Structures are given as C-alpha cells and as structure tokens.
Amino acid sequence: MFDLTVFKYNRLQGKEESDLPGLFTSLPPKRAARGREKDRLVIFLQLAERGSPLQGAPEDLLEKLSRVYFATRGTVTSALKAVAEQVNERLLARNLRQAKEANPLLGLLIVAVLHDEMLYLAHCGPVHSFIINAQTVEHFHDPQGAGRGLGISRTPAIRFFRCTFQPSDLALLCVQPPQNWSRQTLLGSTQLSLDNLRRRLLVQADESLSFVMLRTRKGQGELHVRNLRAGEAEPPVMQRPVELPPERREKPAAVPA
C-alpha cells in the first residue's frame, strides 16, 4: 500500500500564494460504494470565462463532487464520468440561465485517482498531465477528445488515461503549463531534491501559474497535502475523508454567477 502526497503550487502575478482554489483531495469515507474503498481522490477544477483570469471552483461544489465519486459503484472510469457529468450539469444550467447577460463559464477539470498501483486520470477541456518516472516522461493532452471544457454541451467530452504509478514517480496536473515543460526538460525530475525540482518547474514560467504534483511512497494508504512554494516550512496536512451523508436529497452546490 502507498501513501500519496499532493503538492500544490499557486502564483498570481508573481506572488506565491499559500492556497490553491479549485483543488480538493479526499480519502474514501466509511460508507464508500463498492470499488471505491481504497481510492485516493484528487480534483482540480478551474473555471474559465472569456476576458477573465481562471478561478478555482467553490469548495462546496468540490465537496459535492467528492461525495458523488465515492457514492458511485463500479469501475473507476464510471465514477470519474459521474463527477464530470455533475460539473457539466451545474455549469450548463448556469450558462443557459444567464445566456443573455454573461459569457459562458467553462469547467476545466482534471481528476486523478490512485487505485492500488494504478493512477487514473480524467481530462475535461484542453488540460495537461505529465507522468514522470526514472526512464520516461508521458504527456497526456488531447484537446480534441477532452473538448473545450464542461458546461457547453449536454454530453460532456471526457478523455480517460491510465498508467502504473510507483513510489518516486511524479504526476503533474496543470491547466496551462509553461511552454518549456516537455519530455526533454522533465526527464530526470524524479532524481532531484524538492527544492531543485521546484526550480526546474518554475524556470521560464509565467508570472501566474498553478499546478498540482503527486508523489507516492510505501505506507499505510494515507493522503498528505503540502505546499510547494519557496521556503515552505509548514508540515504536511493529513487528509481526512469526506463522509457520505445519509440518503437524502442534497441542495445543488453553488456555481459562480
């Protein structure tokens, strides 16, 4: 069994922030559906509106998505699809309701699930994931298969990826990565110290950049969240599961107007 560490990084106009809006992580709750009992979940959802900077999805929506995932039986991909459909339903309703007053709000979504020794990814929108091990770098990006984003069609476009994920492997999840992130520049990153890796990832990066990095090690199935900003001294935060509520109708999670 592996522990999963989630590193977050957020820089806005040259200033490093301690929080990364739109990121949500969770262990499985006690009443998780069959097949979800050992999954570790990472949701990274950014909202895009024409003429405005990206904004992180609200916390209540992200928590709702976590509940949807862990309540969905069956394969990992079926649960990932349920999450994407939930986001699409919320955003599409908002966009139809405000079609005359506002630009459409698009959901750019990356969901990562560590299931045993496999890492599953769902992409919605032209987002990017990089999987780095000692020998190779795999770049997952399919703007045609993943579509423009969620909230513009009744049927969401979703692109699924899957790979083995071993201790010391790295995964980078980013909506708009620096142009110099490539197989050539990222190869060998698993051998670097955390400080040197951070410098490599930020060289030639824009003034605004946000991303998530995943790393595993042998452990007891725990999930930790750490900050990757410079001089970060805070200890990792051990993630607690989001418990599924008793069977009842929930109020829809809020979506920014």
C-alpha atoms as a PDB file:
ATOM      1  CA  MET A   1       0.000   0.000   0.000  1.00  0.00           C
ATOM      2  CA  PHE A   2       1.147   3.536  -0.809  1.00  0.00           C
ATOM      3  CA  ASP A   3       0.847   6.925   0.840  1.00  0.00           C
ATOM      4  CA  LEU A   4       0.004   9.750  -1.563  1.00  0.00           C
ATOM      5  CA  THR A   5       1.423  13.259  -1.164  1.00  0.00           C
ATOM      6  CA  VAL A   6      -0.274  16.099  -3.044  1.00  0.00           C
ATOM      7  CA  PHE A   7       1.894  19.183  -3.591  1.00  0.00           C
ATOM      8  CA  LYS A   8       0.088  22.389  -4.535  1.00  0.00           C
ATOM      9  CA  TYR A   9       1.543  25.486  -6.149  1.00  0.00           C
ATOM     10  CA  ASN A  10      -0.162  28.786  -6.962  1.00  0.00           C
ATOM     11  CA  ARG A  11       1.471  32.010  -8.170  1.00  0.00           C
ATOM     12  CA  LEU A  12      -0.589  35.051  -9.118  1.00  0.00           C
ATOM     13  CA  GLN A  13       1.075  37.996 -10.814  1.00  0.00           C
ATOM     14  CA  GLY A  14       4.449  36.953  -9.429  1.00  0.00           C
ATOM     15  CA  LYS A  15       3.245  36.410  -5.841  1.00  0.00           C
ATOM     16  CA  GLU A  16       3.229  32.909  -4.414  1.00  0.00           C
ATOM     17  CA  GLU A  17       0.006  32.062  -2.594  1.00  0.00           C
ATOM     18  CA  SER A  18      -0.469  29.526   0.190  1.00  0.00           C
ATOM     19  CA  ASP A  19      -3.810  28.256  -1.115  1.00  0.00           C
ATOM     20  CA  LEU A  20      -4.812  26.762  -4.452  1.00  0.00           C
ATOM     21  CA  PRO A  21      -8.528  27.371  -5.122  1.00  0.00           C
ATOM     22  CA  GLY A  22     -10.137  24.594  -7.121  1.00  0.00           C
ATOM     23  CA  LEU A  23      -8.084  21.793  -5.535  1.00  0.00           C
ATOM     24  CA  PHE A  24      -9.819  19.160  -3.417  1.00  0.00           C
ATOM     25  CA  THR A  25      -8.453  15.874  -2.070  1.00  0.00           C
ATOM     26  CA  SER A  26     -10.115  13.082  -0.150  1.00  0.00           C
ATOM     27  CA  LEU A  27      -9.698   9.613   1.280  1.00  0.00           C
ATOM     28  CA  PRO A  28     -12.634   7.213   0.970  1.00  0.00           C
ATOM     29  CA  PRO A  29     -15.371   7.645   3.587  1.00  0.00           C
ATOM     30  CA  LYS A  30     -16.555   4.749   5.743  1.00  0.00           C
ATOM     31  CA  ARG A  31     -19.647   4.231   3.579  1.00  0.00           C
ATOM     32  CA  ALA A  32     -17.880   4.348   0.224  1.00  0.00           C
ATOM     33  CA  ALA A  33     -19.502   2.410  -2.608  1.00  0.00           C
ATOM     34  CA  ARG A  34     -18.126  -0.956  -3.664  1.00  0.00           C
ATOM     35  CA  GLY A  35     -14.917  -0.446  -5.602  1.00  0.00           C
ATOM     36  CA  ARG A  36     -14.182   2.932  -4.016  1.00  0.00           C
ATOM     37  CA  GLU A  37     -12.978   1.681  -0.609  1.00  0.00           C
ATOM     38  CA  LYS A  38      -9.242   2.215  -1.226  1.00  0.00           C
ATOM     39  CA  ASP A  39      -9.276   5.073  -3.736  1.00  0.00           C
ATOM     40  CA  ARG A  40      -7.437   8.327  -3.095  1.00  0.00           C
ATOM     41  CA  LEU A  41      -9.115  11.217  -4.927  1.00  0.00           C
ATOM     42  CA  VAL A  42      -7.676  14.491  -6.261  1.00  0.00           C
ATOM     43  CA  ILE A  43      -9.950  17.002  -8.009  1.00  0.00           C
ATOM     44  CA  PHE A  44      -8.540  20.089  -9.746  1.00  0.00           C
ATOM     45  CA  LEU A  45     -11.271  22.249 -11.266  1.00  0.00           C
ATOM     46  CA  GLN A  46     -10.694  25.687 -12.767  1.00  0.00           C
ATOM     47  CA  LEU A  47     -13.455  27.877 -14.190  1.00  0.00           C
ATOM     48  CA  ALA A  48     -12.783  29.917 -17.317  1.00  0.00           C
ATOM     49  CA  GLU A  49     -14.751  32.897 -18.606  1.00  0.00           C
ATOM     50  CA  ARG A  50     -13.801  34.904 -21.675  1.00  0.00           C
ATOM     51  CA  GLY A  51     -11.849  38.030 -20.736  1.00  0.00           C
ATOM     52  CA  SER A  52     -11.288  36.941 -17.129  1.00  0.00           C
ATOM     53  CA  PRO A  53      -8.485  35.050 -15.364  1.00  0.00           C
ATOM     54  CA  LEU A  54      -9.058  31.453 -14.333  1.00  0.00           C
ATOM     55  CA  GLN A  55     -10.794  30.990 -10.989  1.00  0.00           C
ATOM     56  CA  GLY A  56     -10.932  27.968  -8.720  1.00  0.00           C
ATOM     57  CA  ALA A  57     -14.236  26.185  -8.269  1.00  0.00           C
ATOM     58  CA  PRO A  58     -16.011  26.847  -4.940  1.00  0.00           C
ATOM     59  CA  GLU A  59     -15.350  24.470  -2.049  1.00  0.00           C
ATOM     60  CA  ASP A  60     -18.951  23.324  -1.676  1.00  0.00           C
ATOM     61  CA  LEU A  61     -19.057  22.182  -5.299  1.00  0.00           C
ATOM     62  CA  LEU A  62     -15.783  20.291  -4.919  1.00  0.00           C
ATOM     63  CA  GLU A  63     -17.004  18.565  -1.762  1.00  0.00           C
ATOM     64  CA  LYS A  64     -20.191  17.579  -3.590  1.00  0.00           C
ATOM     65  CA  LEU A  65     -18.098  16.069  -6.396  1.00  0.00           C
ATOM     66  CA  SER A  66     -16.119  14.036  -3.876  1.00  0.00           C
ATOM     67  CA  ARG A  67     -19.365  12.611  -2.486  1.00  0.00           C
ATOM     68  CA  VAL A  68     -20.553  11.776  -5.993  1.00  0.00           C
ATOM     69  CA  TYR A  69     -17.322   9.921  -6.734  1.00  0.00           C
ATOM     70  CA  PHE A  70     -17.307   7.801  -3.589  1.00  0.00           C
ATOM     71  CA  ALA A  71     -21.033   7.019  -3.891  1.00  0.00           C
ATOM     72  CA  THR A  72     -20.675   5.634  -7.441  1.00  0.00           C
ATOM     73  CA  ARG A  73     -20.265   1.881  -7.742  1.00  0.00           C
ATOM     74  CA  GLY A  74     -18.396   0.076 -10.478  1.00  0.00           C
ATOM     75  CA  THR A  75     -15.220   0.923 -12.318  1.00  0.00           C
ATOM     76  CA  VAL A  76     -13.009   3.904 -11.618  1.00  0.00           C
ATOM     77  CA  THR A  77     -13.882   5.395 -15.007  1.00  0.00           C
ATOM     78  CA  SER A  78     -17.627   5.151 -14.283  1.00  0.00           C
ATOM     79  CA  ALA A  79     -17.120   7.135 -11.066  1.00  0.00           C
ATOM     80  CA  LEU A  80     -14.914   9.673 -12.875  1.00  0.00           C
ATOM     81  CA  LYS A  81     -17.610  10.064 -15.511  1.00  0.00           C
ATOM     82  CA  ALA A  82     -20.197  10.722 -12.793  1.00  0.00           C
ATOM     83  CA  VAL A  83     -18.027  13.560 -11.444  1.00  0.00           C
ATOM     84  CA  ALA A  84     -17.647  15.154 -14.880  1.00  0.00           C
ATOM     85  CA  GLU A  85     -21.376  14.869 -15.537  1.00  0.00           C
ATOM     86  CA  GLN A  86     -22.142  16.586 -12.244  1.00  0.00           C
ATOM     87  CA  VAL A  87     -19.878  19.545 -13.102  1.00  0.00           C
ATOM     88  CA  ASN A  88     -21.311  19.730 -16.614  1.00  0.00           C
ATOM     89  CA  GLU A  89     -24.896  19.738 -15.334  1.00  0.00           C
ATOM     90  CA  ARG A  90     -24.206  22.603 -12.895  1.00  0.00           C
ATOM     91  CA  LEU A  91     -22.331  24.762 -15.403  1.00  0.00           C
ATOM     92  CA  LEU A  92     -24.707  24.116 -18.286  1.00  0.00           C
ATOM     93  CA  ALA A  93     -27.668  25.165 -16.144  1.00  0.00           C
ATOM     94  CA  ARG A  94     -25.827  28.354 -15.159  1.00  0.00           C
ATOM     95  CA  ASN A  95     -24.863  29.140 -18.750  1.00  0.00           C
ATOM     96  CA  LEU A  96     -28.383  28.601 -20.098  1.00  0.00           C
ATOM     97  CA  ARG A  97     -29.864  30.691 -17.303  1.00  0.00           C
ATOM     98  CA  GLN A  98     -27.511  33.604 -17.965  1.00  0.00           C
ATOM     99  CA  ALA A  99     -27.056  33.248 -21.714  1.00  0.00           C
ATOM    100  CA  LYS A 100     -28.097  36.842 -22.415  1.00  0.00           C
ATOM    101  CA  GLU A 101     -26.309  38.517 -19.522  1.00  0.00           C
ATOM    102  CA  ALA A 102     -22.900  36.805 -19.300  1.00  0.00           C
ATOM    103  CA  ASN A 103     -20.275  34.862 -21.173  1.00  0.00           C
ATOM    104  CA  PRO A 104     -20.375  31.081 -20.751  1.00  0.00           C
ATOM    105  CA  LEU A 105     -18.431  29.679 -17.815  1.00  0.00           C
ATOM    106  CA  LEU A 106     -16.348  26.650 -18.810  1.00  0.00           C
ATOM    107  CA  GLY A 107     -15.100  23.969 -16.453  1.00  0.00           C
ATOM    108  CA  LEU A 108     -11.512  22.805 -16.999  1.00  0.00           C
ATOM    109  CA  LEU A 109     -11.268  19.613 -14.992  1.00  0.00           C
ATOM    110  CA  ILE A 110      -8.561  17.135 -14.038  1.00  0.00           C
ATOM    111  CA  VAL A 111      -9.479  14.289 -11.714  1.00  0.00           C
ATOM    112  CA  ALA A 112      -6.788  11.882 -10.518  1.00  0.00           C
ATOM    113  CA  VAL A 113      -7.473   8.667  -8.627  1.00  0.00           C
ATOM    114  CA  LEU A 114      -4.858   6.385  -7.106  1.00  0.00           C
ATOM    115  CA  HIS A 115      -6.391   2.901  -7.196  1.00  0.00           C
ATOM    116  CA  ASP A 116      -3.966   0.280  -5.902  1.00  0.00           C
ATOM    117  CA  GLU A 117      -0.854   0.813  -8.078  1.00  0.00           C
ATOM    118  CA  MET A 118      -2.714   2.458 -10.940  1.00  0.00           C
ATOM    119  CA  LEU A 119      -3.239   6.168 -11.500  1.00  0.00           C
ATOM    120  CA  TYR A 120      -6.443   7.040 -13.351  1.00  0.00           C
ATOM    121  CA  LEU A 121      -6.942  10.464 -14.909  1.00  0.00           C
ATOM    122  CA  ALA A 122      -9.973  12.196 -16.383  1.00  0.00           C
ATOM    123  CA  HIS A 123      -9.489  15.300 -18.543  1.00  0.00           C
ATOM    124  CA  CYS A 124     -12.279  17.702 -19.499  1.00  0.00           C
ATOM    125  CA  GLY A 125     -11.035  20.604 -21.579  1.00  0.00           C
ATOM    126  CA  PRO A 126      -7.554  21.223 -23.063  1.00  0.00           C
ATOM    127  CA  VAL A 127      -5.724  20.389 -19.824  1.00  0.00           C
ATOM    128  CA  HIS A 128      -2.412  18.592 -19.273  1.00  0.00           C
ATOM    129  CA  SER A 129      -0.950  15.803 -17.152  1.00  0.00           C
ATOM    130  CA  PHE A 130       2.685  14.704 -17.109  1.00  0.00           C
ATOM    131  CA  ILE A 131       3.685  11.319 -15.669  1.00  0.00           C
ATOM    132  CA  ILE A 132       7.380  11.124 -14.826  1.00  0.00           C
ATOM    133  CA  ASN A 133       9.371   8.066 -13.785  1.00  0.00           C
ATOM    134  CA  ALA A 134      13.067   7.231 -13.822  1.00  0.00           C
ATOM    135  CA  GLN A 135      13.083   6.274 -17.512  1.00  0.00           C
ATOM    136  CA  THR A 136      10.343   8.209 -19.286  1.00  0.00           C
ATOM    137  CA  VAL A 137       8.001  11.193 -19.322  1.00  0.00           C
ATOM    138  CA  GLU A 138       4.453  10.702 -20.578  1.00  0.00           C
ATOM    139  CA  HIS A 139       2.487  13.786 -21.617  1.00  0.00           C
ATOM    140  CA  PHE A 140      -1.289  13.321 -21.587  1.00  0.00           C
ATOM    141  CA  HIS A 141      -3.077  16.025 -23.580  1.00  0.00           C
ATOM    142  CA  ASP A 142      -5.910  15.510 -26.029  1.00  0.00           C
ATOM    143  CA  PRO A 143      -7.770  18.767 -26.781  1.00  0.00           C
ATOM    144  CA  GLN A 144      -9.991  17.029 -29.333  1.00  0.00           C
ATOM    145  CA  GLY A 145     -11.015  14.110 -27.136  1.00  0.00           C
ATOM    146  CA  ALA A 146     -11.353  16.239 -23.991  1.00  0.00           C
ATOM    147  CA  GLY A 147     -13.246  19.040 -25.731  1.00  0.00           C
ATOM    148  CA  ARG A 148     -13.306  22.759 -24.905  1.00  0.00           C
ATOM    149  CA  GLY A 149     -14.500  22.265 -21.349  1.00  0.00           C
ATOM    150  CA  LEU A 150     -17.610  21.478 -19.345  1.00  0.00           C
ATOM    151  CA  GLY A 151     -20.822  23.498 -19.419  1.00  0.00           C
ATOM    152  CA  ILE A 152     -21.375  23.978 -23.160  1.00  0.00           C
ATOM    153  CA  SER A 153     -22.975  20.676 -24.186  1.00  0.00           C
ATOM    154  CA  ARG A 154     -25.441  18.266 -22.624  1.00  0.00           C
ATOM    155  CA  THR A 155     -22.965  15.434 -23.186  1.00  0.00           C
ATOM    156  CA  PRO A 156     -19.575  16.177 -21.596  1.00  0.00           C
ATOM    157  CA  ALA A 157     -16.397  15.362 -23.503  1.00  0.00           C
ATOM    158  CA  ILE A 158     -14.124  13.282 -21.266  1.00  0.00           C
ATOM    159  CA  ARG A 159     -10.715  11.777 -22.019  1.00  0.00           C
ATOM    160  CA  PHE A 160      -9.503   8.996 -19.738  1.00  0.00           C
ATOM    161  CA  PHE A 161      -5.900   7.951 -19.144  1.00  0.00           C
ATOM    162  CA  ARG A 162      -4.382   5.211 -17.008  1.00  0.00           C
ATOM    163  CA  CYS A 163      -0.833   4.285 -16.012  1.00  0.00           C
ATOM    164  CA  THR A 164       1.082   2.437 -13.317  1.00  0.00           C
ATOM    165  CA  PHE A 165       2.265   4.751 -10.540  1.00  0.00           C
ATOM    166  CA  GLN A 166       5.126   3.519  -8.406  1.00  0.00           C
ATOM    167  CA  PRO A 167       6.979   5.048  -5.427  1.00  0.00           C
ATOM    168  CA  SER A 168       9.116   8.043  -6.502  1.00  0.00           C
ATOM    169  CA  ASP A 169       7.069   8.541  -9.687  1.00  0.00           C
ATOM    170  CA  LEU A 170       5.669  12.049 -10.207  1.00  0.00           C
ATOM    171  CA  ALA A 171       2.469  13.343 -11.777  1.00  0.00           C
ATOM    172  CA  LEU A 172       1.998  16.988 -12.744  1.00  0.00           C
ATOM    173  CA  LEU A 173      -1.564  18.252 -13.277  1.00  0.00           C
ATOM    174  CA  CYS A 174      -1.906  21.667 -14.892  1.00  0.00           C
ATOM    175  CA  VAL A 175      -4.487  23.599 -16.879  1.00  0.00           C
ATOM    176  CA  GLN A 176      -1.986  25.923 -18.561  1.00  0.00           C
ATOM    177  CA  PRO A 177       1.575  24.573 -18.125  1.00  0.00           C
ATOM    178  CA  PRO A 178       4.713  26.532 -19.005  1.00  0.00           C
ATOM    179  CA  GLN A 179       5.770  26.073 -22.614  1.00  0.00           C
ATOM    180  CA  ASN A 180       9.104  24.598 -21.596  1.00  0.00           C
ATOM    181  CA  TRP A 181       7.522  21.633 -19.766  1.00  0.00           C
ATOM    182  CA  SER A 182       8.365  18.813 -22.141  1.00  0.00           C
ATOM    183  CA  ARG A 183       9.688  15.263 -22.152  1.00  0.00           C
ATOM    184  CA  GLN A 184      13.205  16.627 -22.596  1.00  0.00           C
ATOM    185  CA  THR A 185      13.108  19.178 -19.762  1.00  0.00           C
ATOM    186  CA  LEU A 186      11.218  16.998 -17.261  1.00  0.00           C
ATOM    187  CA  LEU A 187      13.188  13.776 -17.717  1.00  0.00           C
ATOM    188  CA  GLY A 188      15.237  13.026 -14.600  1.00  0.00           C
ATOM    189  CA  SER A 189      12.973  15.047 -12.307  1.00  0.00           C
ATOM    190  CA  THR A 190      12.395  12.061 -10.003  1.00  0.00           C
ATOM    191  CA  GLN A 191      16.084  12.177  -9.021  1.00  0.00           C
ATOM    192  CA  LEU A 192      16.006  15.820  -7.889  1.00  0.00           C
ATOM    193  CA  SER A 193      15.557  17.192  -4.395  1.00  0.00           C
ATOM    194  CA  LEU A 194      12.288  19.016  -3.803  1.00  0.00           C
ATOM    195  CA  ASP A 195      13.993  22.433  -3.981  1.00  0.00           C
ATOM    196  CA  ASN A 196      15.782  21.621  -7.235  1.00  0.00           C
ATOM    197  CA  LEU A 197      12.614  20.149  -8.716  1.00  0.00           C
ATOM    198  CA  ARG A 198      10.700  23.283  -7.823  1.00  0.00           C
ATOM    199  CA  ARG A 199      13.318  25.431  -9.552  1.00  0.00           C
ATOM    200  CA  ARG A 200      13.169  23.245 -12.647  1.00  0.00           C
ATOM    201  CA  LEU A 201       9.392  23.518 -12.856  1.00  0.00           C
ATOM    202  CA  LEU A 202       9.377  27.297 -12.436  1.00  0.00           C
ATOM    203  CA  VAL A 203      12.199  28.278 -14.779  1.00  0.00           C
ATOM    204  CA  GLN A 204      10.806  30.416 -17.622  1.00  0.00           C
ATOM    205  CA  ALA A 205       7.290  30.111 -16.165  1.00  0.00           C
ATOM    206  CA  ASP A 206       4.800  32.969 -16.469  1.00  0.00           C
ATOM    207  CA  GLU A 207       4.006  35.323 -13.603  1.00  0.00           C
ATOM    208  CA  SER A 208       0.804  33.358 -12.971  1.00  0.00           C
ATOM    209  CA  LEU A 209       0.957  29.585 -12.678  1.00  0.00           C
ATOM    210  CA  SER A 210      -0.937  26.938 -10.735  1.00  0.00           C
ATOM    211  CA  PHE A 211      -0.433  23.199 -10.741  1.00  0.00           C
ATOM    212  CA  VAL A 212      -0.671  20.050  -8.642  1.00  0.00           C
ATOM    213  CA  MET A 213       2.077  17.464  -8.200  1.00  0.00           C
ATOM    214  CA  LEU A 214       1.524  13.911  -6.949  1.00  0.00           C
ATOM    215  CA  ARG A 215       4.097  11.561  -5.460  1.00  0.00           C
ATOM    216  CA  THR A 216       3.753   8.201  -3.713  1.00  0.00           C
ATOM    217  CA  ARG A 217       5.791   6.212  -1.227  1.00  0.00           C
ATOM    218  CA  LYS A 218       5.239   2.963   0.624  1.00  0.00           C
ATOM    219  CA  GLY A 219       2.967   3.483   3.611  1.00  0.00           C
ATOM    220  CA  GLN A 220      -0.453   2.856   5.112  1.00  0.00           C
ATOM    221  CA  GLY A 221      -2.697   4.418   2.466  1.00  0.00           C
ATOM    222  CA  GLU A 222      -2.556   7.941   3.900  1.00  0.00           C
ATOM    223  CA  LEU A 223      -3.014  11.146   1.918  1.00  0.00           C
ATOM    224  CA  HIS A 224      -0.987  14.287   2.693  1.00  0.00           C
ATOM    225  CA  VAL A 225      -1.191  17.806   1.242  1.00  0.00           C
ATOM    226  CA  ARG A 226       1.884  20.056   1.114  1.00  0.00           C
ATOM    227  CA  ASN A 227       2.762  23.434  -0.339  1.00  0.00           C
ATOM    228  CA  LEU A 228       5.480  23.712  -2.961  1.00  0.00           C
ATOM    229  CA  ARG A 229       6.096  27.431  -2.636  1.00  0.00           C
ATOM    230  CA  ALA A 230       9.575  28.714  -1.718  1.00  0.00           C
ATOM    231  CA  GLY A 231      10.672  28.362   1.898  1.00  0.00           C
ATOM    232  CA  GLU A 232       7.554  26.436   2.818  1.00  0.00           C
ATOM    233  CA  ALA A 233       8.038  25.153   6.345  1.00  0.00           C
ATOM    234  CA  GLU A 234       4.547  24.014   7.305  1.00  0.00           C
ATOM    235  CA  PRO A 235       4.180  20.273   7.966  1.00  0.00           C
ATOM    236  CA  PRO A 236       2.112  18.205   5.558  1.00  0.00           C
ATOM    237  CA  VAL A 237      -1.592  18.120   6.311  1.00  0.00           C
ATOM    238  CA  MET A 238      -3.030  14.622   6.674  1.00  0.00           C
ATOM    239  CA  GLN A 239      -6.226  14.449   4.672  1.00  0.00           C
ATOM    240  CA  ARG A 240      -9.439  13.265   6.315  1.00  0.00           C
ATOM    241  CA  PRO A 241     -12.194  11.530   4.352  1.00  0.00           C
ATOM    242  CA  VAL A 242     -15.360  13.406   3.420  1.00  0.00           C
ATOM    243  CA  GLU A 243     -18.161  11.326   4.886  1.00  0.00           C
ATOM    244  CA  LEU A 244     -21.129  10.445   2.739  1.00  0.00           C
ATOM    245  CA  PRO A 245     -24.353  11.789   4.260  1.00  0.00           C
ATOM    246  CA  PRO A 246     -27.381   9.572   4.892  1.00  0.00           C
ATOM    247  CA  GLU A 247     -29.596   9.037   1.881  1.00  0.00           C
ATOM    248  CA  ARG A 248     -31.336  12.358   1.260  1.00  0.00           C
ATOM    249  CA  ARG A 249     -31.803  14.998  -1.398  1.00  0.00           C
ATOM    250  CA  GLU A 250     -28.952  17.486  -1.327  1.00  0.00           C
ATOM    251  CA  LYS A 251     -29.192  21.108  -2.286  1.00  0.00           C
ATOM    252  CA  PRO A 252     -27.305  21.821  -5.516  1.00  0.00           C
ATOM    253  CA  ALA A 253     -23.808  23.134  -4.956  1.00  0.00           C
ATOM    254  CA  ALA A 254     -23.344  26.773  -5.840  1.00  0.00           C
ATOM    255  CA  VAL A 255     -21.721  27.827  -9.101  1.00  0.00           C
ATOM    256  CA  PRO A 256     -20.317  31.345  -9.533  1.00  0.00           C
ATOM    257  CA  ALA A 257     -22.729  33.672 -11.302  1.00  0.00           C
END
